[in-house]
Amino acid sequence: MKVKVNDGQTLADISIQEYGSLEAAMELARSNGMSITDIPVPGSELQLQDAVYDKTMADYCKVNGVSPATQRDTSGVKLRIFTEEYTKEFE
């Protein structure tokens, strides 16, 4: 069985969508010759193993058309937790 990658989806997103659990991400990567940190190309197809880690979640995604995708930061803004007065202590 195969799944088509949607724009913005990571292996973690697809693992939740198809297997019902983030735990399946490593197996999904291994099955497709990828690293767990690789970003799949939108429109490409990934091979799925015949397994479900959390049937309730996997069924929920299918029944409700849930297709998780990780939000990308395109703002270019870098947030800082501390003001300049704390910078020296935490560098």
N, C-alpha and C. Protein backbone atom coordinates (compact mmCIF):
# COMPACT_ATOMS: atom_id res chain seq x y z
N MET A 1 0.84 -1.17 0.00
CA MET A 1 0.00 0.00 0.00
C MET A 1 0.89 1.24 0.00
N LYS A 2 0.43 2.28 -0.66
CA LYS A 2 1.20 3.52 -0.76
C LYS A 2 0.36 4.70 -0.31
N VAL A 3 1.04 5.78 0.05
CA VAL A 3 0.37 7.03 0.43
C VAL A 3 1.04 8.17 -0.32
N LYS A 4 0.25 9.09 -0.81
CA LYS A 4 0.76 10.27 -1.50
C LYS A 4 1.05 11.36 -0.46
N VAL A 5 2.23 11.94 -0.54
CA VAL A 5 2.66 12.97 0.41
C VAL A 5 2.02 14.31 0.04
N ASN A 6 1.37 14.92 1.03
CA ASN A 6 0.80 16.25 0.85
C ASN A 6 1.82 17.33 1.19
N ASP A 7 1.63 18.52 0.66
CA ASP A 7 2.52 19.64 0.94
C ASP A 7 2.59 19.88 2.44
N GLY A 8 3.80 20.01 2.96
CA GLY A 8 4.01 20.32 4.36
C GLY A 8 4.08 19.10 5.26
N GLN A 9 3.86 17.91 4.72
CA GLN A 9 3.88 16.72 5.57
C GLN A 9 5.30 16.21 5.83
N THR A 10 5.51 15.81 7.06
CA THR A 10 6.76 15.17 7.46
C THR A 10 6.48 13.69 7.66
N LEU A 11 7.51 12.93 7.91
CA LEU A 11 7.31 11.51 8.19
C LEU A 11 6.48 11.33 9.46
N ALA A 12 6.64 12.21 10.41
CA ALA A 12 5.85 12.16 11.64
C ALA A 12 4.37 12.37 11.34
N ASP A 13 4.06 13.35 10.50
CA ASP A 13 2.67 13.62 10.12
C ASP A 13 2.03 12.40 9.45
N ILE A 14 2.76 11.81 8.53
CA ILE A 14 2.24 10.67 7.79
C ILE A 14 2.09 9.46 8.71
N SER A 15 2.99 9.31 9.66
CA SER A 15 2.89 8.21 10.62
C SER A 15 1.62 8.30 11.44
N ILE A 16 1.28 9.50 11.87
CA ILE A 16 0.05 9.69 12.64
C ILE A 16 -1.16 9.43 11.74
N GLN A 17 -1.12 9.95 10.53
CA GLN A 17 -2.23 9.80 9.59
C GLN A 17 -2.48 8.34 9.23
N GLU A 18 -1.43 7.61 8.94
CA GLU A 18 -1.59 6.25 8.42
C GLU A 18 -1.53 5.15 9.48
N TYR A 19 -0.68 5.34 10.49
CA TYR A 19 -0.51 4.30 11.51
C TYR A 19 -1.15 4.66 12.84
N GLY A 20 -1.55 5.92 13.00
CA GLY A 20 -2.17 6.35 14.24
C GLY A 20 -1.20 6.67 15.35
N SER A 21 0.10 6.73 15.05
CA SER A 21 1.09 6.95 16.10
C SER A 21 2.40 7.50 15.55
N LEU A 22 2.99 8.36 16.33
CA LEU A 22 4.31 8.91 15.99
C LEU A 22 5.38 7.83 16.04
N GLU A 23 5.15 6.80 16.83
CA GLU A 23 6.11 5.70 16.96
C GLU A 23 6.44 5.03 15.63
N ALA A 24 5.55 5.12 14.68
CA ALA A 24 5.73 4.46 13.38
C ALA A 24 6.66 5.23 12.44
N ALA A 25 7.05 6.43 12.80
CA ALA A 25 7.87 7.26 11.91
C ALA A 25 9.19 6.59 11.55
N MET A 26 9.82 5.93 12.51
CA MET A 26 11.10 5.27 12.24
C MET A 26 10.91 4.14 11.22
N GLU A 27 9.86 3.36 11.37
CA GLU A 27 9.59 2.27 10.42
C GLU A 27 9.25 2.82 9.04
N LEU A 28 8.50 3.91 8.99
CA LEU A 28 8.16 4.55 7.72
C LEU A 28 9.43 5.03 7.02
N ALA A 29 10.32 5.64 7.76
CA ALA A 29 11.60 6.09 7.18
C ALA A 29 12.40 4.91 6.66
N ARG A 30 12.54 3.89 7.48
CA ARG A 30 13.32 2.70 7.11
C ARG A 30 12.72 2.02 5.86
N SER A 31 11.42 1.90 5.80
CA SER A 31 10.74 1.25 4.67
C SER A 31 10.94 1.98 3.35
N ASN A 32 11.23 3.28 3.44
CA ASN A 32 11.36 4.09 2.23
C ASN A 32 12.78 4.59 1.99
N GLY A 33 13.75 3.99 2.71
CA GLY A 33 15.16 4.34 2.51
C GLY A 33 15.47 5.78 2.86
N MET A 34 14.79 6.28 3.89
CA MET A 34 14.96 7.67 4.29
C MET A 34 15.51 7.75 5.72
N SER A 35 16.02 8.91 6.06
CA SER A 35 16.38 9.21 7.44
C SER A 35 15.14 9.77 8.12
N ILE A 36 15.03 9.62 9.41
CA ILE A 36 13.88 10.11 10.16
C ILE A 36 13.73 11.63 10.03
N THR A 37 14.81 12.32 9.72
CA THR A 37 14.76 13.78 9.59
C THR A 37 14.53 14.25 8.16
N ASP A 38 14.50 13.33 7.19
CA ASP A 38 14.26 13.71 5.79
C ASP A 38 12.84 14.25 5.63
N ILE A 39 12.69 15.23 4.76
CA ILE A 39 11.38 15.78 4.44
C ILE A 39 10.94 15.19 3.10
N PRO A 40 9.84 14.43 3.08
CA PRO A 40 9.41 13.84 1.81
C PRO A 40 8.93 14.91 0.83
N VAL A 41 9.10 14.64 -0.44
CA VAL A 41 8.72 15.58 -1.49
C VAL A 41 7.20 15.52 -1.69
N PRO A 42 6.54 16.69 -1.64
CA PRO A 42 5.08 16.70 -1.88
C PRO A 42 4.75 16.06 -3.24
N GLY A 43 3.73 15.23 -3.24
CA GLY A 43 3.33 14.55 -4.46
C GLY A 43 3.97 13.19 -4.65
N SER A 44 5.05 12.93 -3.92
CA SER A 44 5.69 11.61 -4.03
C SER A 44 4.87 10.58 -3.27
N GLU A 45 5.16 9.32 -3.54
CA GLU A 45 4.44 8.24 -2.86
C GLU A 45 5.41 7.48 -1.96
N LEU A 46 4.93 7.17 -0.76
CA LEU A 46 5.71 6.38 0.19
C LEU A 46 5.06 5.02 0.36
N GLN A 47 5.91 4.02 0.47
CA GLN A 47 5.44 2.65 0.70
C GLN A 47 5.07 2.50 2.17
N LEU A 48 3.89 1.93 2.43
CA LEU A 48 3.45 1.70 3.80
C LEU A 48 3.55 0.21 4.14
N GLN A 49 3.88 -0.07 5.38
CA GLN A 49 3.86 -1.44 5.88
C GLN A 49 2.43 -1.76 6.33
N ASP A 50 2.09 -3.01 6.32
CA ASP A 50 0.76 -3.44 6.73
C ASP A 50 0.74 -3.54 8.26
N ALA A 51 0.63 -2.38 8.93
CA ALA A 51 0.63 -2.34 10.39
C ALA A 51 -0.14 -1.11 10.85
N VAL A 52 -0.68 -1.21 12.05
CA VAL A 52 -1.33 -0.07 12.68
C VAL A 52 -0.88 -0.05 14.12
N TYR A 53 -0.40 1.09 14.58
CA TYR A 53 0.08 1.22 15.94
C TYR A 53 -1.06 1.63 16.88
N ASP A 54 -1.95 2.49 16.40
CA ASP A 54 -3.10 2.94 17.19
C ASP A 54 -4.31 3.00 16.23
N LYS A 55 -5.08 1.94 16.22
CA LYS A 55 -6.20 1.82 15.28
C LYS A 55 -7.23 2.93 15.45
N THR A 56 -7.51 3.32 16.68
CA THR A 56 -8.50 4.38 16.93
C THR A 56 -8.09 5.68 16.26
N MET A 57 -6.83 6.06 16.42
CA MET A 57 -6.34 7.31 15.82
C MET A 57 -6.27 7.19 14.30
N ALA A 58 -5.78 6.07 13.80
CA ALA A 58 -5.69 5.87 12.34
C ALA A 58 -7.09 5.93 11.72
N ASP A 59 -8.06 5.27 12.35
CA ASP A 59 -9.44 5.29 11.84
C ASP A 59 -10.01 6.70 11.90
N TYR A 60 -9.73 7.42 12.97
CA TYR A 60 -10.22 8.80 13.11
C TYR A 60 -9.71 9.67 11.96
N CYS A 61 -8.43 9.54 11.66
CA CYS A 61 -7.84 10.33 10.56
C CYS A 61 -8.51 9.99 9.23
N LYS A 62 -8.74 8.73 8.98
CA LYS A 62 -9.35 8.31 7.71
C LYS A 62 -10.81 8.76 7.61
N VAL A 63 -11.59 8.52 8.66
CA VAL A 63 -13.02 8.86 8.65
C VAL A 63 -13.25 10.36 8.54
N ASN A 64 -12.40 11.14 9.19
CA ASN A 64 -12.58 12.59 9.23
C ASN A 64 -11.72 13.36 8.23
N GLY A 65 -11.01 12.63 7.37
CA GLY A 65 -10.19 13.28 6.35
C GLY A 65 -9.05 14.10 6.94
N VAL A 66 -8.54 13.68 8.09
CA VAL A 66 -7.45 14.40 8.74
C VAL A 66 -6.14 14.04 8.06
N SER A 67 -5.44 15.06 7.61
CA SER A 67 -4.15 14.89 6.96
C SER A 67 -3.17 15.87 7.60
N PRO A 68 -2.55 15.47 8.73
CA PRO A 68 -1.68 16.39 9.45
C PRO A 68 -0.54 16.90 8.57
N ALA A 69 -0.18 18.14 8.79
CA ALA A 69 0.97 18.75 8.11
C ALA A 69 1.62 19.72 9.07
N THR A 70 2.92 19.69 9.13
CA THR A 70 3.68 20.55 10.03
C THR A 70 3.75 21.95 9.46
N GLN A 71 3.41 22.93 10.30
CA GLN A 71 3.43 24.33 9.86
C GLN A 71 4.87 24.79 9.65
N ARG A 72 5.07 25.49 8.57
CA ARG A 72 6.41 26.02 8.28
C ARG A 72 6.47 27.48 8.68
N ASP A 73 7.61 27.90 9.18
CA ASP A 73 7.82 29.30 9.54
C ASP A 73 8.41 30.02 8.34
N THR A 74 7.62 30.86 7.71
CA THR A 74 8.09 31.61 6.54
C THR A 74 8.26 33.09 6.86
N SER A 75 8.13 33.46 8.13
CA SER A 75 8.18 34.87 8.51
C SER A 75 9.60 35.42 8.50
N GLY A 76 10.57 34.55 8.73
CA GLY A 76 11.95 35.02 8.81
C GLY A 76 12.26 35.68 10.14
N VAL A 77 11.31 35.71 11.04
CA VAL A 77 11.50 36.34 12.34
C VAL A 77 12.11 35.32 13.29
N LYS A 78 13.16 35.71 13.99
CA LYS A 78 13.77 34.86 14.99
C LYS A 78 13.36 35.39 16.35
N LEU A 79 12.75 34.54 17.13
CA LEU A 79 12.29 34.95 18.44
C LEU A 79 13.40 34.78 19.47
N ARG A 80 13.43 35.70 20.41
CA ARG A 80 14.42 35.63 21.47
C ARG A 80 13.69 35.48 22.80
N ILE A 81 14.18 34.61 23.61
CA ILE A 81 13.56 34.40 24.91
C ILE A 81 14.02 35.48 25.89
N PHE A 82 15.28 35.83 25.83
CA PHE A 82 15.84 36.80 26.77
C PHE A 82 16.23 38.09 26.07
N THR A 83 16.18 39.17 26.79
CA THR A 83 16.64 40.45 26.24
C THR A 83 18.15 40.48 26.28
N GLU A 84 18.74 41.52 25.74
CA GLU A 84 20.19 41.62 25.64
C GLU A 84 20.88 41.56 27.00
N GLU A 85 20.21 42.02 28.05
CA GLU A 85 20.85 42.03 29.37
C GLU A 85 21.17 40.63 29.88
N TYR A 86 20.48 39.59 29.36
CA TYR A 86 20.74 38.22 29.79
C TYR A 86 21.62 37.43 28.82
N THR A 87 21.92 38.00 27.69
CA THR A 87 22.64 37.29 26.64
C THR A 87 23.97 36.73 27.12
N LYS A 88 24.75 37.50 27.84
CA LYS A 88 26.09 37.06 28.27
C LYS A 88 25.99 35.84 29.19
N GLU A 89 24.98 35.77 30.04
CA GLU A 89 24.86 34.65 30.95
C GLU A 89 24.51 33.34 30.25
N PHE A 90 23.81 33.42 29.14
CA PHE A 90 23.32 32.21 28.49
C PHE A 90 23.99 31.87 27.18
N GLU A 91 25.08 32.50 26.86
CA GLU A 91 25.79 32.16 25.61
C GLU A 91 26.74 31.02 25.83
